[in-house]
Amino acid sequence: MNDVLRLLRLPHLLLLVTSSIASAQDGDLRSTSCVARDLAMVILIEARGEMQNVRPEALADATMQLIEARKACQNGRNAEALAVYDRIAALIGSEGTEAPKDP
């Protein structure tokens, strides 16, 4: 039951992440480094959302930056995209210092 409640409390952000993953198929991300970093950031965002130890606003910001990075990758601006992915990791990676919230 607690697992169900936790899933119900996940930010709507996960829906946004999932839908944006669907649009990043079949070579839309043009480099291996973009694909690898994108996957790592999606996993990080989802994990932070499940642990509930990052402010929802920070998760939303990270998701918007993820979309920005994907657009840069799709347009061949890999260095710019990788810098955005680094900002995402810094944004929500450093926020994981609070204890998870109890249900």
N, C-alpha and C. Protein backbone atom coordinates (compact mmCIF):
# COMPACT_ATOMS: atom_id res chain seq x y z
N MET A 1 0.82 -1.20 0.00
CA MET A 1 0.00 0.00 0.00
C MET A 1 0.86 1.26 0.00
N ASN A 2 1.96 1.24 0.79
CA ASN A 2 2.85 2.40 0.81
C ASN A 2 3.47 2.66 -0.55
N ASP A 3 3.77 1.57 -1.28
CA ASP A 3 4.33 1.75 -2.62
C ASP A 3 3.33 2.44 -3.54
N VAL A 4 2.07 2.07 -3.42
CA VAL A 4 1.05 2.71 -4.25
C VAL A 4 0.93 4.19 -3.91
N LEU A 5 0.94 4.49 -2.61
CA LEU A 5 0.84 5.89 -2.20
C LEU A 5 2.05 6.68 -2.69
N ARG A 6 3.23 6.08 -2.63
CA ARG A 6 4.44 6.77 -3.08
C ARG A 6 4.34 7.07 -4.58
N LEU A 7 3.85 6.10 -5.34
CA LEU A 7 3.71 6.32 -6.77
C LEU A 7 2.69 7.42 -7.08
N LEU A 8 1.63 7.48 -6.28
CA LEU A 8 0.63 8.52 -6.49
C LEU A 8 1.18 9.90 -6.18
N ARG A 9 2.19 10.00 -5.30
CA ARG A 9 2.74 11.29 -4.92
C ARG A 9 3.89 11.73 -5.82
N LEU A 10 4.35 10.87 -6.73
CA LEU A 10 5.43 11.28 -7.61
C LEU A 10 5.01 12.51 -8.38
N PRO A 11 5.93 13.40 -8.60
CA PRO A 11 5.59 14.61 -9.34
C PRO A 11 5.08 14.30 -10.74
N HIS A 12 4.23 15.16 -11.22
CA HIS A 12 3.73 15.01 -12.58
C HIS A 12 4.88 15.11 -13.57
N LEU A 13 5.99 15.52 -13.08
CA LEU A 13 7.20 15.62 -13.86
C LEU A 13 7.57 14.31 -14.53
N LEU A 14 7.32 13.18 -13.86
CA LEU A 14 7.68 11.90 -14.45
C LEU A 14 6.91 11.64 -15.73
N LEU A 15 5.69 12.12 -15.80
CA LEU A 15 4.92 12.01 -17.02
C LEU A 15 5.59 12.80 -18.13
N LEU A 16 6.05 13.99 -17.82
CA LEU A 16 6.73 14.82 -18.79
C LEU A 16 8.02 14.16 -19.27
N VAL A 17 8.77 13.58 -18.36
CA VAL A 17 10.01 12.90 -18.72
C VAL A 17 9.71 11.72 -19.63
N THR A 18 8.70 10.93 -19.26
CA THR A 18 8.36 9.75 -20.05
C THR A 18 7.92 10.14 -21.45
N SER A 19 7.11 11.18 -21.56
CA SER A 19 6.66 11.59 -22.89
C SER A 19 7.79 12.16 -23.72
N SER A 20 8.74 12.82 -23.09
CA SER A 20 9.85 13.35 -23.86
C SER A 20 10.82 12.26 -24.26
N ILE A 21 10.88 11.16 -23.51
CA ILE A 21 11.71 10.02 -23.91
C ILE A 21 11.16 9.43 -25.19
N ALA A 22 9.85 9.35 -25.29
CA ALA A 22 9.24 8.78 -26.48
C ALA A 22 9.59 9.57 -27.73
N SER A 23 9.83 10.86 -27.60
CA SER A 23 10.17 11.67 -28.77
C SER A 23 11.65 11.58 -29.12
N ALA A 24 12.45 10.99 -28.24
CA ALA A 24 13.89 10.90 -28.47
C ALA A 24 14.27 9.51 -28.94
N GLN A 25 13.67 9.07 -30.05
CA GLN A 25 13.89 7.73 -30.55
C GLN A 25 14.66 7.76 -31.86
N ASP A 26 15.18 6.57 -32.21
CA ASP A 26 15.72 6.32 -33.54
C ASP A 26 16.64 7.39 -34.07
N GLY A 27 17.66 7.72 -33.31
CA GLY A 27 18.68 8.62 -33.82
C GLY A 27 18.38 10.09 -33.68
N ASP A 28 17.31 10.46 -33.01
CA ASP A 28 17.03 11.88 -32.82
C ASP A 28 18.17 12.55 -32.04
N LEU A 29 18.69 11.86 -31.05
CA LEU A 29 19.86 12.37 -30.35
C LEU A 29 21.04 11.91 -31.20
N ARG A 30 21.85 12.84 -31.66
CA ARG A 30 22.79 12.55 -32.73
C ARG A 30 24.14 11.98 -32.31
N SER A 31 24.46 11.96 -31.05
CA SER A 31 25.76 11.41 -30.67
C SER A 31 25.61 10.43 -29.53
N THR A 32 26.55 9.50 -29.47
CA THR A 32 26.55 8.51 -28.40
C THR A 32 26.67 9.18 -27.05
N SER A 33 27.49 10.24 -26.98
CA SER A 33 27.65 10.93 -25.70
C SER A 33 26.34 11.58 -25.25
N CYS A 34 25.57 12.12 -26.18
CA CYS A 34 24.27 12.71 -25.83
C CYS A 34 23.31 11.63 -25.34
N VAL A 35 23.28 10.50 -26.03
CA VAL A 35 22.36 9.43 -25.65
C VAL A 35 22.71 8.90 -24.26
N ALA A 36 23.99 8.66 -24.03
CA ALA A 36 24.41 8.13 -22.73
C ALA A 36 24.11 9.11 -21.60
N ARG A 37 24.41 10.37 -21.82
CA ARG A 37 24.18 11.38 -20.77
C ARG A 37 22.69 11.58 -20.55
N ASP A 38 21.90 11.56 -21.62
CA ASP A 38 20.45 11.71 -21.50
C ASP A 38 19.87 10.60 -20.64
N LEU A 39 20.26 9.38 -20.93
CA LEU A 39 19.75 8.25 -20.16
C LEU A 39 20.14 8.38 -18.68
N ALA A 40 21.38 8.76 -18.42
CA ALA A 40 21.83 8.93 -17.04
C ALA A 40 21.01 10.00 -16.32
N MET A 41 20.69 11.09 -17.01
CA MET A 41 19.93 12.17 -16.37
C MET A 41 18.48 11.76 -16.14
N VAL A 42 17.89 11.01 -17.07
CA VAL A 42 16.52 10.52 -16.87
C VAL A 42 16.47 9.63 -15.64
N ILE A 43 17.44 8.74 -15.52
CA ILE A 43 17.49 7.85 -14.36
C ILE A 43 17.67 8.65 -13.08
N LEU A 44 18.54 9.66 -13.10
CA LEU A 44 18.76 10.49 -11.92
C LEU A 44 17.49 11.25 -11.53
N ILE A 45 16.82 11.85 -12.50
CA ILE A 45 15.59 12.59 -12.22
C ILE A 45 14.53 11.67 -11.63
N GLU A 46 14.36 10.50 -12.23
CA GLU A 46 13.36 9.56 -11.72
C GLU A 46 13.71 9.08 -10.32
N ALA A 47 14.98 8.79 -10.08
CA ALA A 47 15.39 8.33 -8.75
C ALA A 47 15.16 9.39 -7.70
N ARG A 48 15.51 10.63 -8.02
CA ARG A 48 15.30 11.72 -7.06
C ARG A 48 13.82 11.93 -6.80
N GLY A 49 13.00 11.80 -7.83
CA GLY A 49 11.55 11.92 -7.64
C GLY A 49 11.00 10.83 -6.75
N GLU A 50 11.48 9.60 -6.93
CA GLU A 50 11.01 8.49 -6.10
C GLU A 50 11.47 8.64 -4.66
N MET A 51 12.69 9.11 -4.46
CA MET A 51 13.20 9.27 -3.09
C MET A 51 12.56 10.47 -2.39
N GLN A 52 12.02 11.39 -3.15
CA GLN A 52 11.38 12.59 -2.63
C GLN A 52 12.31 13.39 -1.72
N ASN A 53 13.57 13.48 -2.11
CA ASN A 53 14.53 14.24 -1.31
C ASN A 53 15.07 15.45 -2.07
N VAL A 54 14.34 15.84 -3.11
CA VAL A 54 14.67 17.03 -3.89
C VAL A 54 13.38 17.82 -4.05
N ARG A 55 13.49 19.12 -3.95
CA ARG A 55 12.30 19.97 -4.11
C ARG A 55 11.63 19.71 -5.48
N PRO A 56 10.32 19.65 -5.52
CA PRO A 56 9.62 19.45 -6.80
C PRO A 56 9.99 20.50 -7.84
N GLU A 57 10.24 21.73 -7.38
CA GLU A 57 10.63 22.80 -8.32
C GLU A 57 11.96 22.48 -8.99
N ALA A 58 12.88 21.90 -8.23
CA ALA A 58 14.18 21.53 -8.79
C ALA A 58 14.03 20.40 -9.80
N LEU A 59 13.14 19.45 -9.52
CA LEU A 59 12.89 18.37 -10.48
C LEU A 59 12.26 18.91 -11.76
N ALA A 60 11.34 19.84 -11.60
CA ALA A 60 10.71 20.45 -12.78
C ALA A 60 11.74 21.21 -13.60
N ASP A 61 12.60 21.95 -12.93
CA ASP A 61 13.66 22.69 -13.62
C ASP A 61 14.60 21.73 -14.34
N ALA A 62 14.95 20.64 -13.68
CA ALA A 62 15.83 19.64 -14.29
C ALA A 62 15.19 19.05 -15.54
N THR A 63 13.90 18.80 -15.49
CA THR A 63 13.20 18.25 -16.64
C THR A 63 13.18 19.23 -17.81
N MET A 64 12.95 20.49 -17.51
CA MET A 64 12.96 21.50 -18.57
C MET A 64 14.36 21.62 -19.19
N GLN A 65 15.38 21.53 -18.35
CA GLN A 65 16.75 21.58 -18.86
C GLN A 65 17.06 20.33 -19.69
N LEU A 66 16.49 19.19 -19.31
CA LEU A 66 16.67 17.96 -20.08
C LEU A 66 16.14 18.14 -21.50
N ILE A 67 14.99 18.76 -21.60
CA ILE A 67 14.41 19.01 -22.92
C ILE A 67 15.30 19.96 -23.71
N GLU A 68 15.83 20.98 -23.04
CA GLU A 68 16.76 21.92 -23.69
C GLU A 68 18.00 21.19 -24.22
N ALA A 69 18.53 20.28 -23.41
CA ALA A 69 19.72 19.52 -23.82
C ALA A 69 19.40 18.63 -25.02
N ARG A 70 18.24 18.02 -25.01
CA ARG A 70 17.85 17.17 -26.15
C ARG A 70 17.75 17.96 -27.44
N LYS A 71 17.19 19.15 -27.34
CA LYS A 71 17.10 19.99 -28.54
C LYS A 71 18.48 20.34 -29.05
N ALA A 72 19.40 20.64 -28.14
CA ALA A 72 20.76 20.97 -28.55
C ALA A 72 21.40 19.76 -29.24
N CYS A 73 21.21 18.57 -28.67
CA CYS A 73 21.76 17.36 -29.28
C CYS A 73 21.17 17.13 -30.68
N GLN A 74 19.88 17.29 -30.79
CA GLN A 74 19.22 17.08 -32.07
C GLN A 74 19.70 18.05 -33.14
N ASN A 75 20.16 19.21 -32.72
CA ASN A 75 20.65 20.22 -33.65
C ASN A 75 22.17 20.17 -33.80
N GLY A 76 22.79 19.12 -33.27
CA GLY A 76 24.22 18.94 -33.45
C GLY A 76 25.10 19.79 -32.53
N ARG A 77 24.53 20.42 -31.52
CA ARG A 77 25.29 21.25 -30.58
C ARG A 77 25.63 20.41 -29.34
N ASN A 78 26.48 19.41 -29.55
CA ASN A 78 26.77 18.43 -28.49
C ASN A 78 27.45 19.05 -27.28
N ALA A 79 28.41 19.93 -27.49
CA ALA A 79 29.12 20.54 -26.35
C ALA A 79 28.14 21.32 -25.48
N GLU A 80 27.25 22.05 -26.11
CA GLU A 80 26.24 22.80 -25.36
C GLU A 80 25.32 21.85 -24.59
N ALA A 81 24.91 20.78 -25.25
CA ALA A 81 24.03 19.80 -24.61
C ALA A 81 24.70 19.16 -23.41
N LEU A 82 25.96 18.78 -23.55
CA LEU A 82 26.67 18.14 -22.45
C LEU A 82 26.82 19.09 -21.26
N ALA A 83 26.99 20.37 -21.55
CA ALA A 83 27.06 21.37 -20.47
C ALA A 83 25.72 21.45 -19.74
N VAL A 84 24.63 21.37 -20.47
CA VAL A 84 23.30 21.40 -19.84
C VAL A 84 23.10 20.15 -18.98
N TYR A 85 23.50 19.00 -19.50
CA TYR A 85 23.40 17.78 -18.70
C TYR A 85 24.21 17.90 -17.41
N ASP A 86 25.38 18.52 -17.49
CA ASP A 86 26.19 18.75 -16.29
C ASP A 86 25.46 19.64 -15.28
N ARG A 87 24.77 20.67 -15.79
CA ARG A 87 24.00 21.56 -14.90
C ARG A 87 22.88 20.79 -14.20
N ILE A 88 22.24 19.87 -14.93
CA ILE A 88 21.18 19.06 -14.34
C ILE A 88 21.74 18.23 -13.19
N ALA A 89 22.86 17.57 -13.43
CA ALA A 89 23.48 16.73 -12.40
C ALA A 89 23.85 17.57 -11.18
N ALA A 90 24.37 18.76 -11.41
CA ALA A 90 24.73 19.63 -10.29
C ALA A 90 23.49 20.11 -9.54
N LEU A 91 22.43 20.40 -10.27
CA LEU A 91 21.21 20.92 -9.66
C LEU A 91 20.55 19.91 -8.74
N ILE A 92 20.32 18.71 -9.22
CA ILE A 92 19.59 17.76 -8.38
C ILE A 92 20.51 16.77 -7.68
N GLY A 93 21.75 16.68 -8.12
CA GLY A 93 22.69 15.81 -7.43
C GLY A 93 23.08 16.37 -6.07
N SER A 94 23.16 17.70 -5.97
CA SER A 94 23.55 18.34 -4.72
C SER A 94 22.38 18.51 -3.77
N GLU A 95 21.17 18.32 -4.27
CA GLU A 95 20.00 18.51 -3.42
C GLU A 95 19.63 17.26 -2.64
N GLY A 96 20.28 16.15 -2.91
CA GLY A 96 19.90 14.90 -2.28
C GLY A 96 20.42 14.75 -0.88
N THR A 97 20.43 15.80 -0.11
CA THR A 97 21.00 15.73 1.23
C THR A 97 19.94 15.59 2.31
N GLU A 98 18.69 15.83 1.98
CA GLU A 98 17.62 15.72 2.97
C GLU A 98 17.23 14.24 3.14
N ALA A 99 16.70 13.90 4.28
CA ALA A 99 16.18 12.55 4.49
C ALA A 99 14.90 12.39 3.69
N PRO A 100 14.65 11.19 3.16
CA PRO A 100 13.40 10.97 2.43
C PRO A 100 12.20 11.25 3.33
N LYS A 101 11.14 11.74 2.71
CA LYS A 101 9.92 12.05 3.46
C LYS A 101 9.15 10.79 3.77
N ASP A 102 8.57 10.72 4.94
CA ASP A 102 7.74 9.58 5.32
C ASP A 102 6.38 9.70 4.66
N PRO A 103 5.78 8.55 4.34
CA PRO A 103 4.44 8.58 3.70
C PRO A 103 3.37 9.08 4.57
